[in-house]
Amino acid sequence: MNTTVDLLRHGDTGQRSYRGQLDDQLTVTGWAQLRAAVAGQSWDAVVSSSLRRCADFARELAAARELPLRLDARLAEYHFGDWQGVPIETLAQEQGDTLGRFWADPVAHPPPGGESFGQFRVRLSAALNDVVREAKGRRVLVITHGGAIRLLRCLVEGRSYGDMAGIDVPHASLHPLAWPVGGAQA
C-alpha cells in the first residue's frame, strides 16, 4: 500500500502580512475553516508544524479521532526576516522593487534577513522524507503553512520557485502530495 500525504494549510489568523514564524493563533473563522476542511476525510496519523496556528488544530483533531500526532518544527513557515509582521501594502509602498524581485525570484532575492530558499527546501524536504518513512503505507495529514505548501508543490511538480506566488493555497485548503521517499530534494 502506498503512503498518502495530504497537506492542509492552517486556517485564518486575522493577520494580513507575511507572518512567517510569528506564532499567531487561529480566529474563530480559522477554526471553522479547518473543521469543515477535514469533515468526511480520514487519515491514520497527523504531523503538524509546531506553530500554534497549525498545532492547536492538530491537537484537537488527533485527540477527537484518536490519531497519533507528531509536531515537527521543520514544517514551520518560511522565515521572512525583516518583513515578518509588516503589512504587504507597507512593503509594496516602501520596498516595492525589492518585493517584486522576491516574488519573481525568491531564491536570488530573499527578504532582508530572511531564510534562504536552500535552507527552507532542505528542512521541508527532510520533514517530508521522515513523514513518508514513518507512515509505512498509511494516510498522513500534514498541517503546515502556505509558503511551505507552495514550495513543496514546486518541488513535486517540477516548477520554478518563481511560480510560488501563482499557486493558490487558501486557508484550510487540502493539497494531496505525491512525495517520494528520499526524493524531491533538488
N, C-alpha and C. Protein backbone atom coordinates (compact mmCIF):
# COMPACT_ATOMS: atom_id res chain seq x y z
N MET A 1 0.84 -1.20 0.00
CA MET A 1 0.00 0.00 0.00
C MET A 1 0.88 1.25 0.00
N ASN A 2 0.51 2.21 -0.83
CA ASN A 2 1.27 3.44 -0.92
C ASN A 2 0.91 4.40 0.20
N THR A 3 1.89 5.18 0.60
CA THR A 3 1.65 6.23 1.58
C THR A 3 0.95 7.39 0.88
N THR A 4 -0.07 7.92 1.53
CA THR A 4 -0.78 9.09 1.02
C THR A 4 -0.50 10.24 1.96
N VAL A 5 -0.04 11.36 1.41
CA VAL A 5 0.22 12.56 2.20
C VAL A 5 -0.71 13.66 1.69
N ASP A 6 -1.48 14.22 2.61
CA ASP A 6 -2.30 15.38 2.31
C ASP A 6 -1.78 16.55 3.12
N LEU A 7 -1.49 17.65 2.45
CA LEU A 7 -1.07 18.87 3.12
C LEU A 7 -2.31 19.72 3.39
N LEU A 8 -2.40 20.28 4.59
CA LEU A 8 -3.50 21.15 4.97
C LEU A 8 -2.92 22.46 5.46
N ARG A 9 -3.33 23.55 4.81
CA ARG A 9 -2.90 24.86 5.30
C ARG A 9 -3.74 25.23 6.51
N HIS A 10 -3.12 25.89 7.47
CA HIS A 10 -3.84 26.37 8.66
C HIS A 10 -4.97 27.31 8.25
N GLY A 11 -5.88 27.55 9.17
CA GLY A 11 -6.99 28.46 8.93
C GLY A 11 -6.60 29.91 9.17
N ASP A 12 -7.57 30.77 9.02
CA ASP A 12 -7.36 32.22 9.12
C ASP A 12 -6.89 32.64 10.52
N THR A 13 -5.95 33.56 10.54
CA THR A 13 -5.44 34.11 11.80
C THR A 13 -5.85 35.58 11.99
N GLY A 14 -6.50 36.14 10.98
CA GLY A 14 -6.89 37.54 11.05
C GLY A 14 -5.76 38.50 10.72
N GLN A 15 -4.60 37.99 10.39
CA GLN A 15 -3.43 38.83 10.10
C GLN A 15 -3.28 38.99 8.58
N ARG A 16 -2.85 40.15 8.15
CA ARG A 16 -2.70 40.43 6.73
C ARG A 16 -1.29 40.92 6.44
N SER A 17 -0.33 40.07 6.73
CA SER A 17 1.06 40.40 6.44
C SER A 17 1.81 39.08 6.33
N TYR A 18 3.08 39.14 5.93
CA TYR A 18 3.90 37.94 5.97
C TYR A 18 4.10 37.58 7.43
N ARG A 19 3.48 36.52 7.89
CA ARG A 19 3.56 36.12 9.30
C ARG A 19 4.79 35.28 9.57
N GLY A 20 5.20 34.49 8.58
CA GLY A 20 6.40 33.69 8.75
C GLY A 20 6.35 32.85 10.00
N GLN A 21 7.32 33.03 10.87
CA GLN A 21 7.42 32.22 12.07
C GLN A 21 6.89 32.93 13.32
N LEU A 22 6.09 33.99 13.12
CA LEU A 22 5.37 34.58 14.24
C LEU A 22 4.32 33.58 14.67
N ASP A 23 4.08 33.44 15.95
CA ASP A 23 3.25 32.35 16.47
C ASP A 23 1.81 32.80 16.72
N ASP A 24 1.06 33.02 15.64
CA ASP A 24 -0.31 33.50 15.72
C ASP A 24 -1.29 32.40 16.09
N GLN A 25 -2.39 32.81 16.71
CA GLN A 25 -3.49 31.90 17.00
C GLN A 25 -4.51 31.96 15.86
N LEU A 26 -5.32 30.93 15.77
CA LEU A 26 -6.42 30.91 14.81
C LEU A 26 -7.56 31.81 15.30
N THR A 27 -8.29 32.39 14.36
CA THR A 27 -9.53 33.08 14.70
C THR A 27 -10.65 32.04 14.78
N VAL A 28 -11.81 32.48 15.23
CA VAL A 28 -12.99 31.60 15.24
C VAL A 28 -13.25 31.11 13.81
N THR A 29 -13.11 32.00 12.86
CA THR A 29 -13.28 31.63 11.45
C THR A 29 -12.25 30.58 11.04
N GLY A 30 -11.01 30.75 11.48
CA GLY A 30 -9.95 29.79 11.15
C GLY A 30 -10.26 28.40 11.67
N TRP A 31 -10.74 28.32 12.89
CA TRP A 31 -11.15 27.02 13.46
C TRP A 31 -12.25 26.39 12.62
N ALA A 32 -13.27 27.20 12.27
CA ALA A 32 -14.40 26.69 11.48
C ALA A 32 -13.93 26.22 10.10
N GLN A 33 -13.02 26.97 9.47
CA GLN A 33 -12.49 26.58 8.16
C GLN A 33 -11.83 25.20 8.24
N LEU A 34 -11.00 25.00 9.26
CA LEU A 34 -10.27 23.74 9.39
C LEU A 34 -11.21 22.57 9.69
N ARG A 35 -12.16 22.79 10.56
CA ARG A 35 -13.11 21.71 10.88
C ARG A 35 -13.90 21.31 9.64
N ALA A 36 -14.29 22.30 8.84
CA ALA A 36 -15.02 22.00 7.59
C ALA A 36 -14.12 21.26 6.59
N ALA A 37 -12.86 21.64 6.53
CA ALA A 37 -11.93 21.03 5.56
C ALA A 37 -11.70 19.55 5.82
N VAL A 38 -11.73 19.13 7.07
CA VAL A 38 -11.43 17.73 7.39
C VAL A 38 -12.69 16.87 7.54
N ALA A 39 -13.87 17.50 7.50
CA ALA A 39 -15.12 16.74 7.64
C ALA A 39 -15.22 15.70 6.53
N GLY A 40 -15.52 14.48 6.91
CA GLY A 40 -15.67 13.41 5.92
C GLY A 40 -14.37 12.83 5.40
N GLN A 41 -13.24 13.33 5.86
CA GLN A 41 -11.92 12.84 5.45
C GLN A 41 -11.38 11.91 6.53
N SER A 42 -10.46 11.03 6.14
CA SER A 42 -9.86 10.17 7.16
C SER A 42 -8.37 10.02 6.91
N TRP A 43 -7.64 9.95 8.02
CA TRP A 43 -6.20 9.75 8.00
C TRP A 43 -5.84 8.78 9.11
N ASP A 44 -4.62 8.27 9.04
CA ASP A 44 -4.12 7.34 10.06
C ASP A 44 -3.20 8.03 11.06
N ALA A 45 -2.71 9.21 10.70
CA ALA A 45 -1.78 9.94 11.57
C ALA A 45 -1.80 11.41 11.17
N VAL A 46 -1.37 12.26 12.11
CA VAL A 46 -1.28 13.70 11.87
C VAL A 46 0.13 14.15 12.25
N VAL A 47 0.74 14.93 11.35
CA VAL A 47 2.02 15.58 11.62
C VAL A 47 1.79 17.06 11.38
N SER A 48 2.29 17.91 12.26
CA SER A 48 1.98 19.33 12.16
C SER A 48 3.19 20.20 12.46
N SER A 49 3.18 21.37 11.83
CA SER A 49 4.07 22.45 12.24
C SER A 49 3.85 22.70 13.72
N SER A 50 4.88 23.10 14.41
CA SER A 50 4.76 23.38 15.84
C SER A 50 4.20 24.77 16.13
N LEU A 51 4.02 25.60 15.11
CA LEU A 51 3.43 26.92 15.33
C LEU A 51 1.95 26.77 15.66
N ARG A 52 1.44 27.60 16.57
CA ARG A 52 0.09 27.44 17.12
C ARG A 52 -1.01 27.38 16.08
N ARG A 53 -0.90 28.17 15.00
CA ARG A 53 -1.97 28.20 14.02
C ARG A 53 -2.16 26.86 13.32
N CYS A 54 -1.17 25.98 13.43
CA CYS A 54 -1.28 24.61 12.94
C CYS A 54 -1.44 23.63 14.09
N ALA A 55 -0.59 23.74 15.09
CA ALA A 55 -0.50 22.74 16.16
C ALA A 55 -1.76 22.69 17.02
N ASP A 56 -2.41 23.83 17.27
CA ASP A 56 -3.61 23.82 18.11
C ASP A 56 -4.70 22.97 17.47
N PHE A 57 -4.92 23.16 16.17
CA PHE A 57 -5.93 22.35 15.48
C PHE A 57 -5.48 20.89 15.37
N ALA A 58 -4.20 20.66 15.12
CA ALA A 58 -3.69 19.29 15.02
C ALA A 58 -3.96 18.52 16.31
N ARG A 59 -3.74 19.16 17.44
CA ARG A 59 -4.01 18.52 18.74
C ARG A 59 -5.49 18.17 18.89
N GLU A 60 -6.35 19.13 18.52
CA GLU A 60 -7.80 18.87 18.61
C GLU A 60 -8.20 17.70 17.71
N LEU A 61 -7.76 17.71 16.47
CA LEU A 61 -8.14 16.67 15.51
C LEU A 61 -7.62 15.30 15.94
N ALA A 62 -6.36 15.24 16.32
CA ALA A 62 -5.76 13.96 16.72
C ALA A 62 -6.47 13.40 17.95
N ALA A 63 -6.81 14.26 18.91
CA ALA A 63 -7.50 13.79 20.12
C ALA A 63 -8.91 13.30 19.78
N ALA A 64 -9.62 14.07 18.97
CA ALA A 64 -11.01 13.71 18.64
C ALA A 64 -11.09 12.40 17.87
N ARG A 65 -10.09 12.15 17.04
CA ARG A 65 -10.12 10.94 16.19
C ARG A 65 -9.19 9.84 16.70
N GLU A 66 -8.56 10.09 17.84
CA GLU A 66 -7.63 9.12 18.44
C GLU A 66 -6.53 8.71 17.46
N LEU A 67 -5.91 9.72 16.86
CA LEU A 67 -4.83 9.51 15.90
C LEU A 67 -3.49 9.87 16.53
N PRO A 68 -2.43 9.19 16.12
CA PRO A 68 -1.10 9.63 16.58
C PRO A 68 -0.78 11.00 16.01
N LEU A 69 -0.12 11.82 16.82
CA LEU A 69 0.24 13.19 16.44
C LEU A 69 1.72 13.40 16.72
N ARG A 70 2.39 14.02 15.75
CA ARG A 70 3.77 14.43 15.95
C ARG A 70 3.89 15.87 15.47
N LEU A 71 4.44 16.74 16.33
CA LEU A 71 4.74 18.12 15.94
C LEU A 71 6.17 18.17 15.43
N ASP A 72 6.38 18.90 14.35
CA ASP A 72 7.69 18.98 13.72
C ASP A 72 7.99 20.43 13.38
N ALA A 73 8.94 21.03 14.08
CA ALA A 73 9.29 22.44 13.86
C ALA A 73 9.81 22.70 12.45
N ARG A 74 10.30 21.65 11.77
CA ARG A 74 10.80 21.84 10.40
C ARG A 74 9.68 22.18 9.42
N LEU A 75 8.42 21.96 9.81
CA LEU A 75 7.28 22.28 8.95
C LEU A 75 6.81 23.72 9.13
N ALA A 76 7.54 24.51 9.90
CA ALA A 76 7.18 25.92 10.11
C ALA A 76 7.24 26.68 8.79
N GLU A 77 6.56 27.80 8.78
CA GLU A 77 6.55 28.67 7.61
C GLU A 77 7.94 29.23 7.34
N TYR A 78 8.13 29.72 6.14
CA TYR A 78 9.34 30.42 5.73
C TYR A 78 9.58 31.60 6.67
N HIS A 79 10.82 31.84 7.02
CA HIS A 79 11.15 32.99 7.88
C HIS A 79 11.40 34.20 6.99
N PHE A 80 10.50 35.17 7.07
CA PHE A 80 10.55 36.34 6.20
C PHE A 80 11.48 37.44 6.70
N GLY A 81 12.28 37.16 7.70
CA GLY A 81 13.26 38.14 8.18
C GLY A 81 12.61 39.45 8.58
N ASP A 82 13.13 40.56 8.06
CA ASP A 82 12.66 41.90 8.42
C ASP A 82 11.22 42.16 7.98
N TRP A 83 10.69 41.33 7.10
CA TRP A 83 9.32 41.53 6.60
C TRP A 83 8.26 40.89 7.47
N GLN A 84 8.64 40.05 8.42
CA GLN A 84 7.64 39.38 9.25
C GLN A 84 6.80 40.41 10.00
N GLY A 85 5.49 40.29 9.85
CA GLY A 85 4.57 41.17 10.55
C GLY A 85 4.34 42.52 9.90
N VAL A 86 5.03 42.82 8.81
CA VAL A 86 4.86 44.11 8.13
C VAL A 86 3.75 43.94 7.08
N PRO A 87 2.72 44.80 7.11
CA PRO A 87 1.64 44.67 6.11
C PRO A 87 2.20 44.71 4.68
N ILE A 88 1.62 43.87 3.83
CA ILE A 88 2.06 43.79 2.43
C ILE A 88 1.97 45.16 1.76
N GLU A 89 0.91 45.92 2.08
CA GLU A 89 0.75 47.24 1.48
C GLU A 89 1.92 48.15 1.83
N THR A 90 2.38 48.06 3.08
CA THR A 90 3.52 48.87 3.53
C THR A 90 4.78 48.45 2.77
N LEU A 91 4.97 47.15 2.65
CA LEU A 91 6.13 46.67 1.89
C LEU A 91 6.07 47.14 0.45
N ALA A 92 4.89 47.06 -0.16
CA ALA A 92 4.73 47.48 -1.55
C ALA A 92 5.05 48.97 -1.72
N GLN A 93 4.64 49.78 -0.74
CA GLN A 93 4.90 51.23 -0.80
C GLN A 93 6.37 51.54 -0.57
N GLU A 94 6.96 50.91 0.44
CA GLU A 94 8.30 51.28 0.88
C GLU A 94 9.42 50.49 0.21
N GLN A 95 9.11 49.26 -0.22
CA GLN A 95 10.13 48.39 -0.81
C GLN A 95 9.59 47.66 -2.03
N GLY A 96 8.81 48.37 -2.84
CA GLY A 96 8.13 47.75 -3.98
C GLY A 96 9.05 46.99 -4.91
N ASP A 97 10.21 47.59 -5.25
CA ASP A 97 11.13 46.91 -6.17
C ASP A 97 11.69 45.63 -5.54
N THR A 98 12.05 45.70 -4.27
CA THR A 98 12.60 44.53 -3.57
C THR A 98 11.54 43.44 -3.46
N LEU A 99 10.31 43.83 -3.15
CA LEU A 99 9.21 42.88 -3.06
C LEU A 99 8.95 42.22 -4.42
N GLY A 100 8.96 43.00 -5.48
CA GLY A 100 8.76 42.45 -6.83
C GLY A 100 9.85 41.47 -7.22
N ARG A 101 11.10 41.78 -6.86
CA ARG A 101 12.20 40.85 -7.16
C ARG A 101 12.04 39.55 -6.37
N PHE A 102 11.60 39.65 -5.11
CA PHE A 102 11.35 38.45 -4.30
C PHE A 102 10.28 37.58 -4.95
N TRP A 103 9.16 38.18 -5.37
CA TRP A 103 8.09 37.40 -5.98
C TRP A 103 8.56 36.74 -7.28
N ALA A 104 9.38 37.45 -8.05
CA ALA A 104 9.84 36.90 -9.34
C ALA A 104 10.89 35.82 -9.16
N ASP A 105 11.78 35.98 -8.18
CA ASP A 105 12.87 35.01 -7.98
C ASP A 105 13.27 35.00 -6.50
N PRO A 106 12.48 34.26 -5.68
CA PRO A 106 12.75 34.26 -4.24
C PRO A 106 14.09 33.63 -3.86
N VAL A 107 14.65 32.83 -4.74
CA VAL A 107 15.95 32.22 -4.46
C VAL A 107 17.05 33.28 -4.49
N ALA A 108 17.04 34.09 -5.52
CA ALA A 108 18.08 35.12 -5.69
C ALA A 108 17.81 36.37 -4.87
N HIS A 109 16.55 36.60 -4.50
CA HIS A 109 16.19 37.85 -3.83
C HIS A 109 15.33 37.61 -2.58
N PRO A 110 15.88 36.95 -1.55
CA PRO A 110 15.10 36.75 -0.33
C PRO A 110 14.88 38.07 0.40
N PRO A 111 13.90 38.12 1.29
CA PRO A 111 13.69 39.33 2.07
C PRO A 111 14.92 39.64 2.92
N PRO A 112 15.12 40.91 3.27
CA PRO A 112 16.25 41.26 4.13
C PRO A 112 16.19 40.47 5.44
N GLY A 113 17.25 39.77 5.76
CA GLY A 113 17.30 38.99 6.98
C GLY A 113 16.51 37.69 6.92
N GLY A 114 15.97 37.36 5.74
CA GLY A 114 15.13 36.18 5.60
C GLY A 114 15.92 34.89 5.43
N GLU A 115 15.22 33.81 5.62
CA GLU A 115 15.77 32.47 5.44
C GLU A 115 16.09 32.26 3.96
N SER A 116 17.17 31.57 3.66
CA SER A 116 17.45 31.28 2.25
C SER A 116 16.50 30.18 1.78
N PHE A 117 16.19 30.17 0.50
CA PHE A 117 15.31 29.13 -0.01
C PHE A 117 15.98 27.77 0.03
N GLY A 118 17.30 27.75 -0.01
CA GLY A 118 18.02 26.48 0.15
C GLY A 118 17.75 25.89 1.53
N GLN A 119 17.82 26.72 2.56
CA GLN A 119 17.54 26.24 3.92
C GLN A 119 16.09 25.80 4.06
N PHE A 120 15.18 26.57 3.51
CA PHE A 120 13.74 26.27 3.56
C PHE A 120 13.48 24.91 2.88
N ARG A 121 14.04 24.73 1.69
CA ARG A 121 13.85 23.48 0.94
C ARG A 121 14.42 22.29 1.70
N VAL A 122 15.62 22.44 2.25
CA VAL A 122 16.27 21.33 2.95
C VAL A 122 15.45 20.91 4.17
N ARG A 123 14.98 21.87 4.96
CA ARG A 123 14.24 21.47 6.17
C ARG A 123 12.88 20.89 5.84
N LEU A 124 12.19 21.44 4.84
CA LEU A 124 10.90 20.87 4.45
C LEU A 124 11.06 19.48 3.84
N SER A 125 12.06 19.32 2.99
CA SER A 125 12.32 18.02 2.37
C SER A 125 12.63 16.97 3.41
N ALA A 126 13.47 17.32 4.38
CA ALA A 126 13.81 16.37 5.45
C ALA A 126 12.57 15.99 6.25
N ALA A 127 11.72 16.97 6.54
CA ALA A 127 10.50 16.69 7.30
C ALA A 127 9.58 15.75 6.52
N LEU A 128 9.39 16.01 5.23
CA LEU A 128 8.52 15.14 4.42
C LEU A 128 9.11 13.76 4.24
N ASN A 129 10.43 13.67 4.08
CA ASN A 129 11.07 12.36 3.99
C ASN A 129 10.78 11.54 5.25
N ASP A 130 10.86 12.18 6.41
CA ASP A 130 10.57 11.49 7.67
C ASP A 130 9.10 11.09 7.76
N VAL A 131 8.19 11.96 7.32
CA VAL A 131 6.76 11.64 7.34
C VAL A 131 6.51 10.36 6.53
N VAL A 132 7.05 10.32 5.32
CA VAL A 132 6.81 9.17 4.45
C VAL A 132 7.48 7.91 5.01
N ARG A 133 8.68 8.05 5.52
CA ARG A 133 9.41 6.91 6.10
C ARG A 133 8.64 6.32 7.28
N GLU A 134 8.09 7.18 8.12
CA GLU A 134 7.35 6.73 9.30
C GLU A 134 5.96 6.21 8.96
N ALA A 135 5.38 6.67 7.86
CA ALA A 135 3.99 6.35 7.53
C ALA A 135 3.79 4.88 7.15
N LYS A 136 4.74 4.31 6.48
CA LYS A 136 4.67 2.88 6.10
C LYS A 136 3.32 2.52 5.47
N GLY A 137 2.96 3.25 4.43
CA GLY A 137 1.77 2.90 3.68
C GLY A 137 0.46 3.44 4.23
N ARG A 138 0.53 4.34 5.20
CA ARG A 138 -0.69 4.89 5.78
C ARG A 138 -1.00 6.26 5.19
N ARG A 139 -2.19 6.75 5.50
CA ARG A 139 -2.62 8.10 5.10
C ARG A 139 -2.22 9.07 6.19
N VAL A 140 -1.48 10.11 5.82
CA VAL A 140 -1.00 11.08 6.81
C VAL A 140 -1.46 12.48 6.42
N LEU A 141 -1.99 13.20 7.40
CA LEU A 141 -2.33 14.61 7.23
C LEU A 141 -1.18 15.43 7.79
N VAL A 142 -0.64 16.33 6.96
CA VAL A 142 0.43 17.22 7.37
C VAL A 142 -0.14 18.63 7.39
N ILE A 143 -0.20 19.22 8.58
CA ILE A 143 -0.75 20.57 8.74
C ILE A 143 0.41 21.55 8.77
N THR A 144 0.39 22.48 7.80
CA THR A 144 1.52 23.38 7.65
C THR A 144 1.04 24.73 7.12
N HIS A 145 1.87 25.43 6.39
CA HIS A 145 1.67 26.82 6.03
C HIS A 145 1.65 27.02 4.52
N GLY A 146 1.13 28.18 4.10
CA GLY A 146 1.01 28.47 2.68
C GLY A 146 2.33 28.43 1.92
N GLY A 147 3.35 29.08 2.46
CA GLY A 147 4.65 29.08 1.78
C GLY A 147 5.26 27.69 1.70
N ALA A 148 5.09 26.91 2.76
CA ALA A 148 5.62 25.54 2.77
C ALA A 148 4.91 24.70 1.72
N ILE A 149 3.59 24.83 1.63
CA ILE A 149 2.84 24.06 0.63
C ILE A 149 3.25 24.48 -0.78
N ARG A 150 3.41 25.76 -0.99
CA ARG A 150 3.83 26.23 -2.32
C ARG A 150 5.21 25.68 -2.70
N LEU A 151 6.15 25.74 -1.76
CA LEU A 151 7.50 25.23 -2.07
C LEU A 151 7.45 23.72 -2.34
N LEU A 152 6.74 22.96 -1.52
CA LEU A 152 6.66 21.51 -1.72
C LEU A 152 5.99 21.17 -3.04
N ARG A 153 4.96 21.91 -3.39
CA ARG A 153 4.31 21.68 -4.69
C ARG A 153 5.25 22.02 -5.84
N CYS A 154 6.03 23.08 -5.72
CA CYS A 154 7.01 23.40 -6.77
C CYS A 154 7.99 22.24 -6.95
N LEU A 155 8.47 21.68 -5.84
CA LEU A 155 9.41 20.57 -5.92
C LEU A 155 8.79 19.37 -6.62
N VAL A 156 7.61 18.97 -6.18
CA VAL A 156 6.96 17.78 -6.72
C VAL A 156 6.51 17.99 -8.17
N GLU A 157 6.05 19.19 -8.49
CA GLU A 157 5.53 19.47 -9.83
C GLU A 157 6.61 19.94 -10.79
N GLY A 158 7.86 20.04 -10.33
CA GLY A 158 8.95 20.48 -11.19
C GLY A 158 8.84 21.93 -11.62
N ARG A 159 8.27 22.75 -10.78
CA ARG A 159 8.07 24.16 -11.09
C ARG A 159 9.18 25.01 -10.48
N SER A 160 9.39 26.16 -11.07
CA SER A 160 10.34 27.13 -10.54
C SER A 160 9.76 27.77 -9.29
N TYR A 161 10.63 28.16 -8.35
CA TYR A 161 10.17 28.85 -7.15
C TYR A 161 9.51 30.18 -7.51
N GLY A 162 9.85 30.74 -8.65
CA GLY A 162 9.20 31.96 -9.12
C GLY A 162 7.71 31.77 -9.38
N ASP A 163 7.27 30.50 -9.53
CA ASP A 163 5.85 30.19 -9.72
C ASP A 163 5.07 30.20 -8.41
N MET A 164 5.77 30.25 -7.28
CA MET A 164 5.10 30.10 -5.98
C MET A 164 3.97 31.10 -5.78
N ALA A 165 4.19 32.35 -6.16
CA ALA A 165 3.17 33.39 -5.93
C ALA A 165 1.89 33.08 -6.70
N GLY A 166 1.98 32.29 -7.77
CA GLY A 166 0.81 31.97 -8.58
C GLY A 166 0.09 30.70 -8.16
N ILE A 167 0.57 30.01 -7.13
CA ILE A 167 -0.07 28.78 -6.66
C ILE A 167 -1.08 29.16 -5.58
N ASP A 168 -2.34 28.86 -5.85
CA ASP A 168 -3.42 29.24 -4.92
C ASP A 168 -3.46 28.27 -3.74
N VAL A 169 -3.25 28.80 -2.55
CA VAL A 169 -3.28 27.99 -1.33
C VAL A 169 -4.12 28.73 -0.28
N PRO A 170 -5.45 28.69 -0.43
CA PRO A 170 -6.29 29.40 0.54
C PRO A 170 -6.21 28.77 1.93
N HIS A 171 -6.64 29.53 2.92
CA HIS A 171 -6.69 28.99 4.28
C HIS A 171 -7.50 27.69 4.29
N ALA A 172 -7.04 26.72 5.06
CA ALA A 172 -7.72 25.43 5.27
C ALA A 172 -7.90 24.64 3.98
N SER A 173 -7.03 24.85 3.00
CA SER A 173 -7.13 24.07 1.76
C SER A 173 -6.27 22.81 1.87
N LEU A 174 -6.78 21.72 1.26
CA LEU A 174 -6.09 20.43 1.23
C LEU A 174 -5.36 20.27 -0.10
N HIS A 175 -4.15 19.71 -0.02
CA HIS A 175 -3.33 19.50 -1.21
C HIS A 175 -2.70 18.12 -1.14
N PRO A 176 -3.19 17.15 -1.94
CA PRO A 176 -2.54 15.83 -1.97
C PRO A 176 -1.12 16.00 -2.51
N LEU A 177 -0.18 15.27 -1.95
CA LEU A 177 1.22 15.41 -2.37
C LEU A 177 1.82 14.03 -2.60
N ALA A 178 2.32 13.82 -3.80
CA ALA A 178 2.99 12.56 -4.13
C ALA A 178 4.47 12.71 -3.80
N TRP A 179 4.81 12.50 -2.54
CA TRP A 179 6.19 12.72 -2.08
C TRP A 179 6.96 11.41 -2.08
N PRO A 180 8.01 11.30 -2.89
CA PRO A 180 8.81 10.07 -2.88
C PRO A 180 9.77 10.02 -1.71
N VAL A 181 9.98 8.82 -1.17
CA VAL A 181 10.96 8.66 -0.09
C VAL A 181 12.32 9.09 -0.62
N GLY A 182 12.95 10.02 0.08
CA GLY A 182 14.28 10.48 -0.31
C GLY A 182 14.28 11.35 -1.55
N GLY A 183 13.11 11.66 -2.11
CA GLY A 183 13.05 12.39 -3.35
C GLY A 183 12.78 13.87 -3.16
N ALA A 184 12.68 14.54 -4.26
CA ALA A 184 12.33 15.96 -4.33
C ALA A 184 13.21 16.81 -3.44
N GLN A 185 14.50 16.54 -3.44
CA GLN A 185 15.39 17.34 -2.61
C GLN A 185 16.19 18.35 -3.40
N ALA A 186 16.10 18.31 -4.70
CA ALA A 186 16.89 19.24 -5.52
C ALA A 186 16.26 20.61 -5.57
